N, C-alpha and C. Protein backbone atom coordinates (compact mmCIF):
# COMPACT_ATOMS: atom_id res chain seq x y z
N UNK A 1 -143.47 -31.70 -101.88
CA UNK A 1 -142.29 -32.00 -101.08
C UNK A 1 -142.66 -32.92 -99.91
N UNK A 2 -143.58 -32.49 -99.06
CA UNK A 2 -144.00 -33.30 -97.92
C UNK A 2 -145.31 -33.99 -98.24
N UNK A 3 -145.45 -35.19 -97.73
CA UNK A 3 -146.70 -35.92 -97.83
C UNK A 3 -147.27 -36.05 -96.42
N UNK A 4 -148.59 -35.95 -96.30
CA UNK A 4 -149.26 -36.13 -95.02
C UNK A 4 -150.06 -37.42 -95.10
N UNK A 5 -149.54 -38.45 -94.44
CA UNK A 5 -150.13 -39.80 -94.50
C UNK A 5 -150.96 -40.04 -93.26
N UNK A 6 -152.26 -40.32 -93.42
CA UNK A 6 -153.09 -40.57 -92.24
C UNK A 6 -152.52 -41.69 -91.37
N UNK A 7 -152.54 -41.45 -90.07
CA UNK A 7 -152.03 -42.45 -89.13
C UNK A 7 -153.06 -43.56 -88.97
N UNK A 8 -152.57 -44.78 -89.11
CA UNK A 8 -153.40 -45.98 -88.92
C UNK A 8 -152.71 -46.88 -87.91
N UNK A 9 -153.43 -47.88 -87.46
CA UNK A 9 -152.91 -48.81 -86.45
C UNK A 9 -151.55 -49.40 -86.87
N UNK A 10 -151.42 -49.76 -88.14
CA UNK A 10 -150.18 -50.39 -88.60
C UNK A 10 -149.00 -49.42 -88.67
N UNK A 11 -149.24 -48.12 -88.47
CA UNK A 11 -148.16 -47.13 -88.49
C UNK A 11 -147.79 -46.62 -87.09
N UNK A 12 -148.43 -47.17 -86.05
CA UNK A 12 -148.20 -46.67 -84.69
C UNK A 12 -146.76 -46.83 -84.21
N UNK A 13 -146.05 -47.82 -84.70
CA UNK A 13 -144.64 -47.98 -84.28
C UNK A 13 -143.81 -46.77 -84.73
N UNK A 14 -144.09 -46.25 -85.91
CA UNK A 14 -143.38 -45.06 -86.39
C UNK A 14 -143.77 -43.84 -85.57
N UNK A 15 -145.05 -43.74 -85.23
CA UNK A 15 -145.53 -42.64 -84.39
C UNK A 15 -144.84 -42.69 -83.03
N UNK A 16 -144.78 -43.88 -82.44
CA UNK A 16 -144.11 -44.06 -81.14
C UNK A 16 -142.66 -43.59 -81.20
N UNK A 17 -141.98 -43.96 -82.26
CA UNK A 17 -140.57 -43.57 -82.39
C UNK A 17 -140.43 -42.05 -82.42
N UNK A 18 -141.28 -41.38 -83.17
CA UNK A 18 -141.22 -39.92 -83.27
C UNK A 18 -141.57 -39.28 -81.92
N UNK A 19 -142.67 -39.71 -81.32
CA UNK A 19 -143.09 -39.14 -80.04
C UNK A 19 -142.02 -39.34 -78.98
N UNK A 20 -141.47 -40.53 -78.89
CA UNK A 20 -140.49 -40.81 -77.85
C UNK A 20 -139.10 -40.27 -78.15
N UNK A 21 -138.91 -39.70 -79.35
CA UNK A 21 -137.65 -39.02 -79.64
C UNK A 21 -137.69 -37.58 -79.12
N UNK A 22 -138.82 -37.19 -78.53
CA UNK A 22 -139.02 -35.83 -78.01
C UNK A 22 -139.32 -35.87 -76.52
N UNK A 23 -138.38 -36.38 -75.75
CA UNK A 23 -138.60 -36.55 -74.31
C UNK A 23 -138.81 -35.21 -73.59
N UNK A 24 -138.18 -34.14 -74.06
CA UNK A 24 -138.36 -32.82 -73.44
C UNK A 24 -139.84 -32.42 -73.49
N UNK A 25 -140.45 -32.54 -74.66
CA UNK A 25 -141.87 -32.19 -74.79
C UNK A 25 -142.73 -33.13 -73.95
N UNK A 26 -142.43 -34.41 -73.98
CA UNK A 26 -143.22 -35.37 -73.19
C UNK A 26 -143.19 -35.02 -71.70
N UNK A 27 -142.04 -34.60 -71.21
CA UNK A 27 -141.93 -34.20 -69.81
C UNK A 27 -142.80 -32.98 -69.53
N UNK A 28 -142.77 -32.00 -70.43
CA UNK A 28 -143.61 -30.81 -70.25
C UNK A 28 -145.09 -31.17 -70.28
N UNK A 29 -145.45 -32.05 -71.18
CA UNK A 29 -146.87 -32.35 -71.38
C UNK A 29 -147.45 -33.21 -70.26
N UNK A 30 -146.73 -34.30 -69.90
CA UNK A 30 -147.34 -35.22 -68.94
C UNK A 30 -146.40 -35.72 -67.84
N UNK A 31 -145.20 -35.16 -67.76
CA UNK A 31 -144.29 -35.53 -66.68
C UNK A 31 -143.55 -36.83 -66.87
N UNK A 32 -143.71 -37.46 -68.03
CA UNK A 32 -142.99 -38.70 -68.35
C UNK A 32 -142.21 -38.48 -69.64
N UNK A 33 -140.97 -38.95 -69.68
CA UNK A 33 -140.15 -38.76 -70.87
C UNK A 33 -140.64 -39.57 -72.06
N UNK A 34 -141.31 -40.69 -71.78
CA UNK A 34 -141.74 -41.58 -72.85
C UNK A 34 -143.22 -41.87 -72.74
N UNK A 35 -143.85 -42.06 -73.90
CA UNK A 35 -145.27 -42.36 -73.97
C UNK A 35 -145.46 -43.84 -74.26
N UNK A 36 -146.55 -44.39 -73.77
CA UNK A 36 -146.87 -45.80 -74.03
C UNK A 36 -147.64 -45.93 -75.33
N UNK A 37 -147.69 -47.13 -75.84
CA UNK A 37 -148.45 -47.38 -77.07
C UNK A 37 -149.92 -47.05 -76.86
N UNK A 38 -150.44 -47.31 -75.68
CA UNK A 38 -151.84 -46.98 -75.39
C UNK A 38 -152.09 -45.48 -75.46
N UNK A 39 -151.17 -44.69 -74.90
CA UNK A 39 -151.30 -43.23 -74.95
C UNK A 39 -151.24 -42.73 -76.39
N UNK A 40 -150.32 -43.27 -77.15
CA UNK A 40 -150.16 -42.85 -78.55
C UNK A 40 -151.39 -43.25 -79.36
N UNK A 41 -151.87 -44.44 -79.15
CA UNK A 41 -153.07 -44.90 -79.86
C UNK A 41 -154.26 -43.99 -79.56
N UNK A 42 -154.44 -43.67 -78.29
CA UNK A 42 -155.56 -42.82 -77.87
C UNK A 42 -155.45 -41.42 -78.46
N UNK A 43 -154.25 -40.89 -78.52
CA UNK A 43 -154.06 -39.52 -79.00
C UNK A 43 -154.20 -39.40 -80.51
N UNK A 44 -153.70 -40.39 -81.25
CA UNK A 44 -153.62 -40.25 -82.70
C UNK A 44 -154.59 -41.12 -83.49
N UNK A 45 -155.28 -42.04 -82.83
CA UNK A 45 -156.31 -42.83 -83.50
C UNK A 45 -157.63 -42.59 -82.79
N UNK A 46 -158.28 -41.51 -83.14
CA UNK A 46 -159.54 -41.16 -82.50
C UNK A 46 -160.49 -40.59 -83.55
N UNK A 47 -161.71 -40.38 -83.15
CA UNK A 47 -162.74 -39.87 -84.06
C UNK A 47 -162.78 -38.34 -84.11
N UNK A 48 -161.97 -37.68 -83.30
CA UNK A 48 -162.07 -36.23 -83.14
C UNK A 48 -161.08 -35.48 -84.03
N UNK A 49 -159.83 -35.95 -84.09
CA UNK A 49 -158.80 -35.23 -84.83
C UNK A 49 -158.33 -36.04 -86.03
N UNK A 50 -157.73 -35.32 -86.98
CA UNK A 50 -157.07 -35.94 -88.12
C UNK A 50 -155.57 -35.93 -87.81
N UNK A 51 -154.98 -37.11 -87.78
CA UNK A 51 -153.57 -37.24 -87.42
C UNK A 51 -152.80 -37.80 -88.61
N UNK A 52 -151.64 -37.19 -88.88
CA UNK A 52 -150.85 -37.57 -90.04
C UNK A 52 -149.38 -37.78 -89.66
N UNK A 53 -148.78 -38.76 -90.31
CA UNK A 53 -147.33 -38.86 -90.32
C UNK A 53 -146.85 -37.96 -91.45
N UNK A 54 -145.77 -37.25 -91.20
CA UNK A 54 -145.19 -36.37 -92.21
C UNK A 54 -144.09 -37.16 -92.90
N UNK A 55 -144.19 -37.26 -94.22
CA UNK A 55 -143.27 -38.08 -95.00
C UNK A 55 -142.42 -37.17 -95.88
N UNK A 56 -141.12 -37.40 -95.85
CA UNK A 56 -140.18 -36.71 -96.72
C UNK A 56 -139.24 -37.75 -97.30
N UNK A 57 -139.22 -37.87 -98.61
CA UNK A 57 -138.34 -38.83 -99.30
C UNK A 57 -138.49 -40.23 -98.72
N UNK A 58 -139.74 -40.67 -98.58
CA UNK A 58 -140.09 -42.01 -98.08
C UNK A 58 -139.64 -42.28 -96.64
N UNK A 59 -139.44 -41.22 -95.88
CA UNK A 59 -139.04 -41.37 -94.48
C UNK A 59 -140.03 -40.59 -93.61
N UNK A 60 -140.44 -41.19 -92.49
CA UNK A 60 -141.34 -40.52 -91.56
C UNK A 60 -140.51 -39.58 -90.68
N UNK A 61 -140.78 -38.27 -90.82
CA UNK A 61 -139.97 -37.29 -90.08
C UNK A 61 -140.75 -36.57 -88.99
N UNK A 62 -142.07 -36.76 -88.95
CA UNK A 62 -142.83 -36.04 -87.95
C UNK A 62 -144.30 -36.44 -87.93
N UNK A 63 -145.05 -35.71 -87.11
CA UNK A 63 -146.47 -35.95 -86.88
C UNK A 63 -147.18 -34.59 -86.84
N UNK A 64 -148.38 -34.56 -87.38
CA UNK A 64 -149.24 -33.39 -87.18
C UNK A 64 -150.63 -33.89 -86.83
N UNK A 65 -151.21 -33.26 -85.82
CA UNK A 65 -152.55 -33.61 -85.34
C UNK A 65 -153.42 -32.37 -85.52
N UNK A 66 -154.58 -32.53 -86.16
CA UNK A 66 -155.39 -31.39 -86.57
C UNK A 66 -156.86 -31.61 -86.20
N UNK A 67 -157.44 -30.59 -85.59
CA UNK A 67 -158.86 -30.59 -85.24
C UNK A 67 -159.55 -29.58 -86.15
N UNK A 68 -160.38 -30.08 -87.08
CA UNK A 68 -161.02 -29.20 -88.06
C UNK A 68 -161.94 -28.16 -87.43
N UNK A 69 -162.65 -28.55 -86.37
CA UNK A 69 -163.58 -27.63 -85.74
C UNK A 69 -163.69 -27.94 -84.26
N UNK A 70 -163.10 -27.07 -83.45
CA UNK A 70 -163.20 -27.23 -82.01
C UNK A 70 -164.59 -26.75 -81.59
N UNK A 71 -165.41 -27.62 -81.01
CA UNK A 71 -166.77 -27.22 -80.64
C UNK A 71 -166.82 -26.10 -79.60
N UNK A 72 -165.71 -25.86 -78.89
CA UNK A 72 -165.69 -24.80 -77.88
C UNK A 72 -165.65 -23.40 -78.51
N UNK A 73 -165.05 -23.29 -79.72
CA UNK A 73 -164.93 -21.97 -80.35
C UNK A 73 -165.20 -21.98 -81.85
N UNK A 74 -165.57 -23.14 -82.39
CA UNK A 74 -165.84 -23.30 -83.83
C UNK A 74 -164.66 -22.88 -84.70
N UNK A 75 -163.45 -23.16 -84.23
CA UNK A 75 -162.23 -22.83 -84.98
C UNK A 75 -161.40 -24.09 -85.19
N UNK A 76 -160.60 -24.10 -86.25
CA UNK A 76 -159.66 -25.20 -86.45
C UNK A 76 -158.42 -25.00 -85.56
N UNK A 77 -157.88 -26.12 -85.09
CA UNK A 77 -156.72 -26.10 -84.20
C UNK A 77 -155.69 -27.13 -84.63
N UNK A 78 -154.43 -26.78 -84.52
CA UNK A 78 -153.36 -27.77 -84.58
C UNK A 78 -153.18 -28.25 -83.15
N UNK A 79 -153.32 -29.56 -82.95
CA UNK A 79 -153.13 -30.13 -81.63
C UNK A 79 -151.66 -30.39 -81.34
N UNK A 80 -150.92 -30.72 -82.40
CA UNK A 80 -149.51 -31.04 -82.23
C UNK A 80 -148.83 -31.02 -83.59
N UNK A 81 -147.66 -30.43 -83.64
CA UNK A 81 -146.75 -30.58 -84.77
C UNK A 81 -145.42 -30.98 -84.14
N UNK A 82 -144.98 -32.19 -84.45
CA UNK A 82 -143.77 -32.71 -83.82
C UNK A 82 -142.86 -33.30 -84.90
N UNK A 83 -141.62 -32.86 -84.89
CA UNK A 83 -140.60 -33.40 -85.79
C UNK A 83 -139.73 -34.37 -84.99
N UNK A 84 -139.34 -35.47 -85.63
CA UNK A 84 -138.48 -36.45 -84.96
C UNK A 84 -137.25 -35.74 -84.39
N UNK A 85 -136.87 -36.11 -83.19
CA UNK A 85 -135.73 -35.48 -82.51
C UNK A 85 -134.45 -35.47 -83.32
N UNK A 86 -134.24 -36.50 -84.14
CA UNK A 86 -133.04 -36.55 -84.98
C UNK A 86 -133.05 -35.48 -86.07
N UNK A 87 -134.21 -34.92 -86.34
CA UNK A 87 -134.34 -33.94 -87.43
C UNK A 87 -134.60 -32.52 -86.95
N UNK A 88 -134.39 -32.27 -85.66
CA UNK A 88 -134.56 -30.91 -85.15
C UNK A 88 -133.47 -30.00 -85.73
N UNK A 89 -133.78 -28.72 -85.85
CA UNK A 89 -132.86 -27.67 -86.29
C UNK A 89 -132.37 -27.86 -87.73
N UNK A 90 -133.22 -28.50 -88.55
CA UNK A 90 -132.91 -28.65 -89.98
C UNK A 90 -133.87 -27.84 -90.84
N UNK A 91 -134.77 -27.10 -90.19
CA UNK A 91 -135.72 -26.28 -90.92
C UNK A 91 -136.98 -27.01 -91.36
N UNK A 92 -137.11 -28.28 -91.00
CA UNK A 92 -138.28 -29.04 -91.43
C UNK A 92 -139.57 -28.51 -90.83
N UNK A 93 -139.54 -28.11 -89.58
CA UNK A 93 -140.75 -27.66 -88.91
C UNK A 93 -141.43 -26.52 -89.65
N UNK A 94 -140.67 -25.51 -90.02
CA UNK A 94 -141.24 -24.36 -90.73
C UNK A 94 -141.73 -24.75 -92.11
N UNK A 95 -140.98 -25.61 -92.79
CA UNK A 95 -141.40 -26.05 -94.14
C UNK A 95 -142.64 -26.93 -94.07
N UNK A 96 -142.70 -27.79 -93.08
CA UNK A 96 -143.88 -28.65 -92.91
C UNK A 96 -145.09 -27.78 -92.61
N UNK A 97 -144.93 -26.83 -91.69
CA UNK A 97 -146.06 -25.97 -91.37
C UNK A 97 -146.53 -25.21 -92.61
N UNK A 98 -145.61 -24.65 -93.38
CA UNK A 98 -145.98 -23.88 -94.57
C UNK A 98 -146.76 -24.77 -95.55
N UNK A 99 -146.34 -25.99 -95.71
CA UNK A 99 -147.03 -26.93 -96.59
C UNK A 99 -148.43 -27.25 -96.06
N UNK A 100 -148.55 -27.46 -94.76
CA UNK A 100 -149.84 -27.76 -94.16
C UNK A 100 -150.77 -26.54 -94.24
N UNK A 101 -150.21 -25.36 -94.02
CA UNK A 101 -151.02 -24.14 -94.13
C UNK A 101 -151.58 -23.99 -95.54
N UNK A 102 -150.79 -24.29 -96.54
CA UNK A 102 -151.29 -24.21 -97.92
C UNK A 102 -152.46 -25.15 -98.14
N UNK A 103 -152.38 -26.35 -97.57
CA UNK A 103 -153.51 -27.30 -97.66
C UNK A 103 -154.77 -26.70 -97.04
N UNK A 104 -154.60 -26.06 -95.89
CA UNK A 104 -155.75 -25.46 -95.20
C UNK A 104 -156.35 -24.32 -96.00
N UNK A 105 -155.50 -23.51 -96.61
CA UNK A 105 -156.00 -22.40 -97.43
C UNK A 105 -156.80 -22.93 -98.61
N UNK A 106 -156.34 -24.00 -99.22
CA UNK A 106 -157.06 -24.61 -100.35
C UNK A 106 -158.41 -25.17 -99.92
N UNK A 107 -158.53 -25.50 -98.64
CA UNK A 107 -159.79 -26.00 -98.09
C UNK A 107 -160.63 -24.85 -97.51
N UNK A 108 -160.20 -23.62 -97.77
CA UNK A 108 -160.92 -22.40 -97.38
C UNK A 108 -161.00 -22.16 -95.87
N UNK A 109 -160.02 -22.62 -95.13
CA UNK A 109 -159.93 -22.24 -93.72
C UNK A 109 -159.43 -20.80 -93.66
N UNK A 110 -160.03 -19.98 -92.81
CA UNK A 110 -159.65 -18.57 -92.76
C UNK A 110 -158.71 -18.24 -91.60
N UNK A 111 -158.67 -19.13 -90.61
CA UNK A 111 -157.77 -18.91 -89.48
C UNK A 111 -157.43 -20.26 -88.86
N UNK A 112 -156.43 -20.22 -88.00
CA UNK A 112 -155.94 -21.43 -87.35
C UNK A 112 -155.49 -21.07 -85.95
N UNK A 113 -155.77 -21.95 -85.00
CA UNK A 113 -155.37 -21.73 -83.62
C UNK A 113 -154.48 -22.86 -83.13
N UNK A 114 -153.72 -22.52 -82.08
CA UNK A 114 -152.87 -23.52 -81.42
C UNK A 114 -152.72 -23.13 -79.95
N UNK A 115 -152.67 -24.14 -79.08
CA UNK A 115 -152.40 -23.93 -77.67
C UNK A 115 -150.98 -24.35 -77.36
N UNK A 116 -150.26 -23.53 -76.62
CA UNK A 116 -148.86 -23.80 -76.31
C UNK A 116 -148.70 -23.81 -74.79
N UNK A 117 -148.15 -24.91 -74.27
CA UNK A 117 -147.87 -24.97 -72.84
C UNK A 117 -147.04 -23.76 -72.44
N UNK A 118 -147.44 -23.08 -71.38
CA UNK A 118 -146.81 -21.81 -71.01
C UNK A 118 -145.31 -21.93 -70.76
N UNK A 119 -144.85 -23.09 -70.32
CA UNK A 119 -143.42 -23.24 -70.05
C UNK A 119 -142.64 -23.80 -71.24
N UNK A 120 -143.28 -23.92 -72.40
CA UNK A 120 -142.59 -24.39 -73.61
C UNK A 120 -142.15 -23.17 -74.43
N UNK A 121 -141.08 -22.54 -73.97
CA UNK A 121 -140.59 -21.30 -74.55
C UNK A 121 -140.18 -21.48 -76.01
N UNK A 122 -139.49 -22.58 -76.33
CA UNK A 122 -139.05 -22.81 -77.72
C UNK A 122 -140.25 -22.89 -78.66
N UNK A 123 -141.29 -23.60 -78.24
CA UNK A 123 -142.49 -23.72 -79.08
C UNK A 123 -143.15 -22.36 -79.28
N UNK A 124 -143.22 -21.59 -78.21
CA UNK A 124 -143.83 -20.26 -78.29
C UNK A 124 -143.08 -19.40 -79.32
N UNK A 125 -141.76 -19.40 -79.24
CA UNK A 125 -140.95 -18.63 -80.19
C UNK A 125 -141.16 -19.12 -81.62
N UNK A 126 -141.23 -20.43 -81.78
CA UNK A 126 -141.43 -21.04 -83.10
C UNK A 126 -142.75 -20.57 -83.71
N UNK A 127 -143.86 -20.71 -82.97
CA UNK A 127 -145.17 -20.37 -83.52
C UNK A 127 -145.30 -18.87 -83.75
N UNK A 128 -144.74 -18.05 -82.91
CA UNK A 128 -144.75 -16.61 -83.13
C UNK A 128 -143.99 -16.27 -84.40
N UNK A 129 -142.88 -16.97 -84.65
CA UNK A 129 -142.09 -16.72 -85.86
C UNK A 129 -142.88 -17.07 -87.12
N UNK A 130 -143.90 -17.90 -86.99
CA UNK A 130 -144.74 -18.28 -88.13
C UNK A 130 -145.95 -17.36 -88.29
N UNK A 131 -146.06 -16.35 -87.42
CA UNK A 131 -147.13 -15.38 -87.56
C UNK A 131 -148.30 -15.56 -86.62
N UNK A 132 -148.20 -16.49 -85.68
CA UNK A 132 -149.28 -16.68 -84.71
C UNK A 132 -149.21 -15.59 -83.66
N UNK A 133 -150.38 -15.14 -83.23
CA UNK A 133 -150.46 -14.07 -82.24
C UNK A 133 -151.25 -14.54 -81.01
N UNK A 134 -150.73 -14.20 -79.85
CA UNK A 134 -151.37 -14.56 -78.59
C UNK A 134 -152.71 -13.85 -78.46
N UNK A 135 -153.75 -14.57 -77.95
CA UNK A 135 -155.01 -13.89 -77.69
C UNK A 135 -155.57 -14.18 -76.30
N UNK A 136 -155.17 -15.27 -75.62
CA UNK A 136 -155.62 -15.48 -74.24
C UNK A 136 -154.91 -16.68 -73.62
N UNK A 137 -154.96 -16.74 -72.30
CA UNK A 137 -154.49 -17.92 -71.57
C UNK A 137 -155.69 -18.80 -71.25
N UNK A 138 -155.43 -20.08 -71.16
CA UNK A 138 -156.47 -21.05 -70.85
C UNK A 138 -155.85 -22.17 -70.02
N UNK A 139 -156.66 -23.11 -69.62
CA UNK A 139 -156.18 -24.30 -68.91
C UNK A 139 -156.47 -25.53 -69.75
N UNK A 140 -155.53 -26.46 -69.75
CA UNK A 140 -155.69 -27.74 -70.43
C UNK A 140 -155.11 -28.81 -69.51
N UNK A 141 -155.94 -29.72 -69.10
CA UNK A 141 -155.53 -30.79 -68.19
C UNK A 141 -154.73 -30.24 -67.00
N UNK A 142 -155.21 -29.12 -66.45
CA UNK A 142 -154.60 -28.52 -65.28
C UNK A 142 -153.36 -27.69 -65.54
N UNK A 143 -152.97 -27.55 -66.80
CA UNK A 143 -151.77 -26.79 -67.15
C UNK A 143 -152.16 -25.47 -67.82
N UNK A 144 -151.36 -24.43 -67.57
CA UNK A 144 -151.57 -23.14 -68.21
C UNK A 144 -151.11 -23.22 -69.66
N UNK A 145 -151.98 -22.77 -70.56
CA UNK A 145 -151.71 -22.82 -71.99
C UNK A 145 -151.96 -21.44 -72.59
N UNK A 146 -151.02 -20.98 -73.40
CA UNK A 146 -151.22 -19.75 -74.16
C UNK A 146 -151.91 -20.11 -75.46
N UNK A 147 -152.99 -19.40 -75.79
CA UNK A 147 -153.73 -19.64 -77.02
C UNK A 147 -153.30 -18.62 -78.06
N UNK A 148 -152.97 -19.11 -79.26
CA UNK A 148 -152.47 -18.29 -80.34
C UNK A 148 -153.31 -18.52 -81.58
N UNK A 149 -153.36 -17.50 -82.44
CA UNK A 149 -154.18 -17.59 -83.66
C UNK A 149 -153.44 -16.95 -84.81
N UNK A 150 -153.70 -17.47 -86.00
CA UNK A 150 -153.13 -16.89 -87.22
C UNK A 150 -154.23 -16.79 -88.27
N UNK A 151 -154.32 -15.65 -88.90
CA UNK A 151 -155.23 -15.47 -90.04
C UNK A 151 -154.61 -16.12 -91.26
N UNK A 152 -155.42 -16.85 -92.01
CA UNK A 152 -154.93 -17.52 -93.22
C UNK A 152 -155.39 -16.81 -94.50
N UNK A 153 -156.02 -15.66 -94.32
CA UNK A 153 -156.48 -14.92 -95.53
C UNK A 153 -155.73 -13.62 -95.67
């Protein structure tokens, strides 16, 4: 159903459109409603994470950023799962996550972690509804983040 297409330089315009369709999240994350091309390039074209455009019926509907092994805890982390603002509340987020989780299980990942900005209540509710459980608070770029984990076995 969903395809996960690696983000490349020639796809950054689509990434920008998706990121900037989520001004609420951008404000929570960095205090600006919109991200620059330089910020997007730095976040999604790096040597550390695997970043994908989420494709449904030949249309880019979202982004997922994945860290296979965080050196701080030797665990895999989702850095970001973002659906284009025009496609919110259509059930895509849960379906995309379920599809991505299946990929991880096939690659023998046994658990998955995610950090959620403490004031992002909607995201917290979303990830809890998918079975993630809180295990500690941490700091990220000076912001309080709730750390959540889900067993994949």
